[in-house]
Amino acid sequence: MLGVNDKRLLNLLDLIRADDGTVAATMEQFSIHVDLKTRKVVPFGPATPKRLAALADVHARFPLPPGHQRRHHCGA
């Protein structure tokens, strides 16, 4: 997880070959929380931001691949 705020989540994902450990693909995924009735971006439910922030804190302990950086917010 590269960044999180009350409405957005940014993840970095690697697809790694099982046979030799080679990174086959890397993807940054930007997710937004949308109310499907209004089709507008809205904040996560009350418990979600704390849980995501705790997960981001754990992920911050691991090094990132070259060329990637952590974001402390998601453009809020």
PDB file of N, CA and C in Angstrom:
ATOM      1  N   MET A   1       0.845  -1.162   0.000  1.00  0.00           N
ATOM      2  CA  MET A   1       0.000   0.000   0.000  1.00  0.00           C
ATOM      3  C   MET A   1       0.898   1.235   0.000  1.00  0.00           C
ATOM      4  N   LEU A   2       0.699   2.086  -0.993  1.00  0.00           N
ATOM      5  CA  LEU A   2       1.526   3.282  -1.113  1.00  0.00           C
ATOM      6  C   LEU A   2       0.899   4.499  -0.457  1.00  0.00           C
ATOM      7  N   GLY A   3      -0.406   4.561  -0.399  1.00  0.00           N
ATOM      8  CA  GLY A   3      -1.058   5.713   0.191  1.00  0.00           C
ATOM      9  C   GLY A   3      -2.528   5.459   0.430  1.00  0.00           C
ATOM     10  N   VAL A   4      -3.079   6.215   1.369  1.00  0.00           N
ATOM     11  CA  VAL A   4      -4.494   6.071   1.707  1.00  0.00           C
ATOM     12  C   VAL A   4      -4.997   7.393   2.291  1.00  0.00           C
ATOM     13  N   ASN A   5      -6.260   7.701   2.037  1.00  0.00           N
ATOM     14  CA  ASN A   5      -6.929   8.785   2.736  1.00  0.00           C
ATOM     15  C   ASN A   5      -8.369   8.358   2.972  1.00  0.00           C
ATOM     16  N   ASP A   6      -9.248   9.286   3.296  1.00  0.00           N
ATOM     17  CA  ASP A   6     -10.613   8.902   3.672  1.00  0.00           C
ATOM     18  C   ASP A   6     -11.479   8.415   2.512  1.00  0.00           C
ATOM     19  N   LYS A   7     -11.010   8.603   1.259  1.00  0.00           N
ATOM     20  CA  LYS A   7     -11.790   8.193   0.089  1.00  0.00           C
ATOM     21  C   LYS A   7     -11.006   7.369  -0.924  1.00  0.00           C
ATOM     22  N   ARG A   8      -9.674   7.322  -0.773  1.00  0.00           N
ATOM     23  CA  ARG A   8      -8.832   6.746  -1.824  1.00  0.00           C
ATOM     24  C   ARG A   8      -7.799   5.784  -1.255  1.00  0.00           C
ATOM     25  N   LEU A   9      -7.350   4.885  -2.131  1.00  0.00           N
ATOM     26  CA  LEU A   9      -6.370   3.880  -1.760  1.00  0.00           C
ATOM     27  C   LEU A   9      -5.447   3.652  -2.946  1.00  0.00           C
ATOM     28  N   LEU A  10      -4.138   3.668  -2.697  1.00  0.00           N
ATOM     29  CA  LEU A  10      -3.159   3.446  -3.761  1.00  0.00           C
ATOM     30  C   LEU A  10      -2.295   2.247  -3.386  1.00  0.00           C
ATOM     31  N   ASN A  11      -2.282   1.233  -4.242  1.00  0.00           N
ATOM     32  CA  ASN A  11      -1.526   0.007  -3.998  1.00  0.00           C
ATOM     33  C   ASN A  11      -0.501  -0.227  -5.095  1.00  0.00           C
ATOM     34  N   LEU A  12       0.558  -0.911  -4.738  1.00  0.00           N
ATOM     35  CA  LEU A  12       1.573  -1.366  -5.679  1.00  0.00           C
ATOM     36  C   LEU A  12       1.535  -2.888  -5.665  1.00  0.00           C
ATOM     37  N   LEU A  13       1.394  -3.480  -6.835  1.00  0.00           N
ATOM     38  CA  LEU A  13       1.308  -4.931  -6.934  1.00  0.00           C
ATOM     39  C   LEU A  13       2.373  -5.453  -7.887  1.00  0.00           C
ATOM     40  N   ASP A  14       3.035  -6.519  -7.506  1.00  0.00           N
ATOM     41  CA  ASP A  14       3.998  -7.206  -8.367  1.00  0.00           C
ATOM     42  C   ASP A  14       3.465  -8.585  -8.710  1.00  0.00           C
ATOM     43  N   LEU A  15       3.582  -8.952  -9.966  1.00  0.00           N
ATOM     44  CA  LEU A  15       3.278 -10.309 -10.414  1.00  0.00           C
ATOM     45  C   LEU A  15       4.628 -11.013 -10.549  1.00  0.00           C
ATOM     46  N   ILE A  16       4.843 -12.021  -9.722  1.00  0.00           N
ATOM     47  CA  ILE A  16       6.147 -12.690  -9.646  1.00  0.00           C
ATOM     48  C   ILE A  16       6.018 -14.132 -10.113  1.00  0.00           C
ATOM     49  N   ARG A  17       6.947 -14.528 -10.987  1.00  0.00           N
ATOM     50  CA  ARG A  17       6.954 -15.904 -11.501  1.00  0.00           C
ATOM     51  C   ARG A  17       7.282 -16.877 -10.374  1.00  0.00           C
ATOM     52  N   ALA A  18       6.504 -17.934 -10.257  1.00  0.00           N
ATOM     53  CA  ALA A  18       6.714 -18.923  -9.198  1.00  0.00           C
ATOM     54  C   ALA A  18       7.967 -19.753  -9.440  1.00  0.00           C
ATOM     55  N   ASP A  19       8.343 -19.961 -10.699  1.00  0.00           N
ATOM     56  CA  ASP A  19       9.464 -20.857 -10.978  1.00  0.00           C
ATOM     57  C   ASP A  19      10.827 -20.248 -10.679  1.00  0.00           C
ATOM     58  N   ASP A  20      10.990 -18.936 -10.928  1.00  0.00           N
ATOM     59  CA  ASP A  20      12.324 -18.369 -10.720  1.00  0.00           C
ATOM     60  C   ASP A  20      12.326 -17.042  -9.950  1.00  0.00           C
ATOM     61  N   GLY A  21      11.153 -16.563  -9.520  1.00  0.00           N
ATOM     62  CA  GLY A  21      11.084 -15.344  -8.732  1.00  0.00           C
ATOM     63  C   GLY A  21      11.212 -14.053  -9.523  1.00  0.00           C
ATOM     64  N   THR A  22      11.236 -14.134 -10.844  1.00  0.00           N
ATOM     65  CA  THR A  22      11.340 -12.947 -11.685  1.00  0.00           C
ATOM     66  C   THR A  22      10.051 -12.133 -11.613  1.00  0.00           C
ATOM     67  N   VAL A  23      10.195 -10.807 -11.511  1.00  0.00           N
ATOM     68  CA  VAL A  23       9.021  -9.930 -11.548  1.00  0.00           C
ATOM     69  C   VAL A  23       8.562  -9.837 -12.997  1.00  0.00           C
ATOM     70  N   ALA A  24       7.350 -10.323 -13.259  1.00  0.00           N
ATOM     71  CA  ALA A  24       6.807 -10.338 -14.614  1.00  0.00           C
ATOM     72  C   ALA A  24       6.051  -9.052 -14.932  1.00  0.00           C
ATOM     73  N   ALA A  25       5.489  -8.422 -13.919  1.00  0.00           N
ATOM     74  CA  ALA A  25       4.720  -7.190 -14.129  1.00  0.00           C
ATOM     75  C   ALA A  25       4.593  -6.441 -12.807  1.00  0.00           C
ATOM     76  N   THR A  26       4.474  -5.129 -12.918  1.00  0.00           N
ATOM     77  CA  THR A  26       4.236  -4.276 -11.760  1.00  0.00           C
ATOM     78  C   THR A  26       3.085  -3.341 -12.107  1.00  0.00           C
ATOM     79  N   MET A  27       2.207  -3.117 -11.130  1.00  0.00           N
ATOM     80  CA  MET A  27       1.051  -2.266 -11.377  1.00  0.00           C
ATOM     81  C   MET A  27       0.782  -1.398 -10.151  1.00  0.00           C
ATOM     82  N   GLU A  28       0.511  -0.125 -10.377  1.00  0.00           N
ATOM     83  CA  GLU A  28      -0.022   0.728  -9.333  1.00  0.00           C
ATOM     84  C   GLU A  28      -1.526   0.779  -9.548  1.00  0.00           C
ATOM     85  N   GLN A  29      -2.274   0.542  -8.482  1.00  0.00           N
ATOM     86  CA  GLN A  29      -3.728   0.519  -8.561  1.00  0.00           C
ATOM     87  C   GLN A  29      -4.283   1.624  -7.669  1.00  0.00           C
ATOM     88  N   PHE A  30      -5.031   2.536  -8.263  1.00  0.00           N
ATOM     89  CA  PHE A  30      -5.651   3.636  -7.538  1.00  0.00           C
ATOM     90  C   PHE A  30      -7.133   3.339  -7.427  1.00  0.00           C
ATOM     91  N   SER A  31      -7.637   3.193  -6.209  1.00  0.00           N
ATOM     92  CA  SER A  31      -9.044   2.875  -5.984  1.00  0.00           C
ATOM     93  C   SER A  31      -9.728   4.041  -5.292  1.00  0.00           C
ATOM     94  N   ILE A  32     -10.958   4.284  -5.663  1.00  0.00           N
ATOM     95  CA  ILE A  32     -11.749   5.320  -5.007  1.00  0.00           C
ATOM     96  C   ILE A  32     -13.053   4.696  -4.505  1.00  0.00           C
ATOM     97  N   HIS A  33     -13.565   5.242  -3.427  1.00  0.00           N
ATOM     98  CA  HIS A  33     -14.806   4.743  -2.842  1.00  0.00           C
ATOM     99  C   HIS A  33     -15.967   5.556  -3.416  1.00  0.00           C
ATOM    100  N   VAL A  34     -16.848   4.868  -4.119  1.00  0.00           N
ATOM    101  CA  VAL A  34     -17.944   5.536  -4.831  1.00  0.00           C
ATOM    102  C   VAL A  34     -19.279   5.033  -4.299  1.00  0.00           C
ATOM    103  N   ASP A  35     -20.187   5.968  -4.077  1.00  0.00           N
ATOM    104  CA  ASP A  35     -21.570   5.629  -3.759  1.00  0.00           C
ATOM    105  C   ASP A  35     -22.249   5.299  -5.081  1.00  0.00           C
ATOM    106  N   LEU A  36     -22.670   4.068  -5.248  1.00  0.00           N
ATOM    107  CA  LEU A  36     -23.240   3.652  -6.527  1.00  0.00           C
ATOM    108  C   LEU A  36     -24.602   4.276  -6.812  1.00  0.00           C
ATOM    109  N   LYS A  37     -25.270   4.776  -5.786  1.00  0.00           N
ATOM    110  CA  LYS A  37     -26.563   5.440  -6.012  1.00  0.00           C
ATOM    111  C   LYS A  37     -26.359   6.847  -6.581  1.00  0.00           C
ATOM    112  N   THR A  38     -25.379   7.570  -6.034  1.00  0.00           N
ATOM    113  CA  THR A  38     -25.157   8.944  -6.482  1.00  0.00           C
ATOM    114  C   THR A  38     -24.056   9.045  -7.533  1.00  0.00           C
ATOM    115  N   ARG A  39     -23.277   7.972  -7.693  1.00  0.00           N
ATOM    116  CA  ARG A  39     -22.143   7.948  -8.623  1.00  0.00           C
ATOM    117  C   ARG A  39     -21.108   9.022  -8.277  1.00  0.00           C
ATOM    118  N   LYS A  40     -20.951   9.282  -6.978  1.00  0.00           N
ATOM    119  CA  LYS A  40     -19.978  10.270  -6.502  1.00  0.00           C
ATOM    120  C   LYS A  40     -19.005   9.627  -5.533  1.00  0.00           C
ATOM    121  N   VAL A  41     -17.798  10.183  -5.490  1.00  0.00           N
ATOM    122  CA  VAL A  41     -16.788   9.715  -4.545  1.00  0.00           C
ATOM    123  C   VAL A  41     -17.207  10.180  -3.154  1.00  0.00           C
ATOM    124  N   VAL A  42     -17.205   9.234  -2.210  1.00  0.00           N
ATOM    125  CA  VAL A  42     -17.606   9.519  -0.830  1.00  0.00           C
ATOM    126  C   VAL A  42     -16.598   8.889   0.130  1.00  0.00           C
ATOM    127  N   PRO A  43     -16.549   9.374   1.369  1.00  0.00           N
ATOM    128  CA  PRO A  43     -15.644   8.769   2.351  1.00  0.00           C
ATOM    129  C   PRO A  43     -16.013   7.307   2.644  1.00  0.00           C
ATOM    130  N   PHE A  44     -14.998   6.536   3.015  1.00  0.00           N
ATOM    131  CA  PHE A  44     -15.230   5.169   3.488  1.00  0.00           C
ATOM    132  C   PHE A  44     -16.108   5.229   4.735  1.00  0.00           C
ATOM    133  N   GLY A  45     -16.631   4.079   5.143  1.00  0.00           N
ATOM    134  CA  GLY A  45     -17.375   3.993   6.390  1.00  0.00           C
ATOM    135  C   GLY A  45     -16.481   4.364   7.570  1.00  0.00           C
ATOM    136  N   PRO A  46     -17.050   4.584   8.748  1.00  0.00           N
ATOM    137  CA  PRO A  46     -16.300   5.123   9.874  1.00  0.00           C
ATOM    138  C   PRO A  46     -15.099   4.277  10.333  1.00  0.00           C
ATOM    139  N   ALA A  47     -15.166   2.978  10.269  1.00  0.00           N
ATOM    140  CA  ALA A  47     -14.067   2.130  10.766  1.00  0.00           C
ATOM    141  C   ALA A  47     -12.973   1.914   9.721  1.00  0.00           C
ATOM    142  N   THR A  48     -13.280   2.080   8.461  1.00  0.00           N
ATOM    143  CA  THR A  48     -12.351   1.721   7.385  1.00  0.00           C
ATOM    144  C   THR A  48     -11.072   2.559   7.357  1.00  0.00           C
ATOM    145  N   PRO A  49     -11.112   3.886   7.474  1.00  0.00           N
ATOM    146  CA  PRO A  49      -9.863   4.651   7.405  1.00  0.00           C
ATOM    147  C   PRO A  49      -8.822   4.236   8.454  1.00  0.00           C
ATOM    148  N   LYS A  50      -9.264   3.967   9.676  1.00  0.00           N
ATOM    149  CA  LYS A  50      -8.325   3.526  10.723  1.00  0.00           C
ATOM    150  C   LYS A  50      -7.686   2.194  10.359  1.00  0.00           C
ATOM    151  N   ARG A  51      -8.490   1.274   9.858  1.00  0.00           N
ATOM    152  CA  ARG A  51      -7.973  -0.047   9.488  1.00  0.00           C
ATOM    153  C   ARG A  51      -6.990   0.064   8.332  1.00  0.00           C
ATOM    154  N   LEU A  52      -7.311   0.894   7.336  1.00  0.00           N
ATOM    155  CA  LEU A  52      -6.411   1.069   6.196  1.00  0.00           C
ATOM    156  C   LEU A  52      -5.120   1.772   6.614  1.00  0.00           C
ATOM    157  N   ALA A  53      -5.223   2.759   7.497  1.00  0.00           N
ATOM    158  CA  ALA A  53      -4.030   3.457   7.976  1.00  0.00           C
ATOM    159  C   ALA A  53      -3.117   2.500   8.741  1.00  0.00           C
ATOM    160  N   ALA A  54      -3.696   1.617   9.536  1.00  0.00           N
ATOM    161  CA  ALA A  54      -2.892   0.625  10.261  1.00  0.00           C
ATOM    162  C   ALA A  54      -2.187  -0.304   9.288  1.00  0.00           C
ATOM    163  N   LEU A  55      -2.872  -0.710   8.247  1.00  0.00           N
ATOM    164  CA  LEU A  55      -2.269  -1.572   7.232  1.00  0.00           C
ATOM    165  C   LEU A  55      -1.162  -0.828   6.486  1.00  0.00           C
ATOM    166  N   ALA A  56      -1.393   0.439   6.172  1.00  0.00           N
ATOM    167  CA  ALA A  56      -0.365   1.246   5.502  1.00  0.00           C
ATOM    168  C   ALA A  56       0.875   1.377   6.378  1.00  0.00           C
ATOM    169  N   ASP A  57       0.695   1.496   7.692  1.00  0.00           N
ATOM    170  CA  ASP A  57       1.835   1.572   8.615  1.00  0.00           C
ATOM    171  C   ASP A  57       2.670   0.290   8.558  1.00  0.00           C
ATOM    172  N   VAL A  58       2.005  -0.851   8.484  1.00  0.00           N
ATOM    173  CA  VAL A  58       2.728  -2.127   8.376  1.00  0.00           C
ATOM    174  C   VAL A  58       3.483  -2.177   7.053  1.00  0.00           C
ATOM    175  N   HIS A  59       2.823  -1.792   5.972  1.00  0.00           N
ATOM    176  CA  HIS A  59       3.458  -1.837   4.650  1.00  0.00           C
ATOM    177  C   HIS A  59       4.633  -0.871   4.547  1.00  0.00           C
ATOM    178  N   ALA A  60       4.601   0.207   5.300  1.00  0.00           N
ATOM    179  CA  ALA A  60       5.672   1.208   5.244  1.00  0.00           C
ATOM    180  C   ALA A  60       7.008   0.644   5.752  1.00  0.00           C
ATOM    181  N   ARG A  61       6.972  -0.453   6.452  1.00  0.00           N
ATOM    182  CA  ARG A  61       8.202  -1.072   6.974  1.00  0.00           C
ATOM    183  C   ARG A  61       8.977  -1.835   5.907  1.00  0.00           C
ATOM    184  N   PHE A  62       8.355  -2.120   4.781  1.00  0.00           N
ATOM    185  CA  PHE A  62       8.985  -2.910   3.736  1.00  0.00           C
ATOM    186  C   PHE A  62       9.546  -2.001   2.646  1.00  0.00           C
ATOM    187  N   PRO A  63      10.695  -2.348   2.081  1.00  0.00           N
ATOM    188  CA  PRO A  63      11.257  -1.529   1.005  1.00  0.00           C
ATOM    189  C   PRO A  63      10.428  -1.648  -0.270  1.00  0.00           C
ATOM    190  N   LEU A  64      10.468  -0.583  -1.061  1.00  0.00           N
ATOM    191  CA  LEU A  64       9.778  -0.595  -2.349  1.00  0.00           C
ATOM    192  C   LEU A  64      10.756  -0.938  -3.460  1.00  0.00           C
ATOM    193  N   PRO A  65      10.264  -1.464  -4.565  1.00  0.00           N
ATOM    194  CA  PRO A  65      11.127  -1.700  -5.725  1.00  0.00           C
ATOM    195  C   PRO A  65      11.688  -0.370  -6.234  1.00  0.00           C
ATOM    196  N   PRO A  66      12.831  -0.414  -6.917  1.00  0.00           N
ATOM    197  CA  PRO A  66      13.400   0.820  -7.487  1.00  0.00           C
ATOM    198  C   PRO A  66      12.386   1.529  -8.383  1.00  0.00           C
ATOM    199  N   GLY A  67      12.359   2.853  -8.293  1.00  0.00           N
ATOM    200  CA  GLY A  67      11.475   3.643  -9.142  1.00  0.00           C
ATOM    201  C   GLY A  67      10.107   3.914  -8.553  1.00  0.00           C
ATOM    202  N   HIS A  68       9.828   3.389  -7.374  1.00  0.00           N
ATOM    203  CA  HIS A  68       8.527   3.607  -6.738  1.00  0.00           C
ATOM    204  C   HIS A  68       8.721   4.416  -5.469  1.00  0.00           C
ATOM    205  N   GLN A  69       7.680   5.140  -5.088  1.00  0.00           N
ATOM    206  CA  GLN A  69       7.738   5.936  -3.866  1.00  0.00           C
ATOM    207  C   GLN A  69       6.429   5.858  -3.122  1.00  0.00           C
ATOM    208  N   ARG A  70       6.483   6.064  -1.841  1.00  0.00           N
ATOM    209  CA  ARG A  70       5.277   6.102  -1.028  1.00  0.00           C
ATOM    210  C   ARG A  70       4.647   7.488  -1.102  1.00  0.00           C
ATOM    211  N   ARG A  71       3.345   7.511  -1.027  1.00  0.00           N
ATOM    212  CA  ARG A  71       2.628   8.774  -0.988  1.00  0.00           C
ATOM    213  C   ARG A  71       1.934   8.842   0.365  1.00  0.00           C
ATOM    214  N   HIS A  72       2.014   9.987   1.011  1.00  0.00           N
ATOM    215  CA  HIS A  72       1.447  10.102   2.349  1.00  0.00           C
ATOM    216  C   HIS A  72      -0.047  10.437   2.306  1.00  0.00           C
ATOM    217  N   HIS A  73      -0.516  10.744   1.168  1.00  0.00           N
ATOM    218  CA  HIS A  73      -1.941  10.988   0.953  1.00  0.00           C
ATOM    219  C   HIS A  73      -2.229  10.510  -0.464  1.00  0.00           C
ATOM    220  N   CYS A  74      -3.398  10.555  -0.878  1.00  0.00           N
ATOM    221  CA  CYS A  74      -3.744  10.135  -2.235  1.00  0.00           C
ATOM    222  C   CYS A  74      -4.351  11.291  -3.002  1.00  0.00           C
ATOM    223  N   GLY A  75      -3.739  12.447  -2.891  1.00  0.00           N
ATOM    224  CA  GLY A  75      -4.240  13.606  -3.615  1.00  0.00           C
ATOM    225  C   GLY A  75      -5.516  14.157  -3.046  1.00  0.00           C
ATOM    226  N   ALA A  76      -5.676  14.021  -1.729  1.00  0.00           N
ATOM    227  CA  ALA A  76      -6.914  14.490  -1.095  1.00  0.00           C
ATOM    228  C   ALA A  76      -7.020  15.996  -1.160  1.00  0.00           C
TER     229      ALA A  76
END
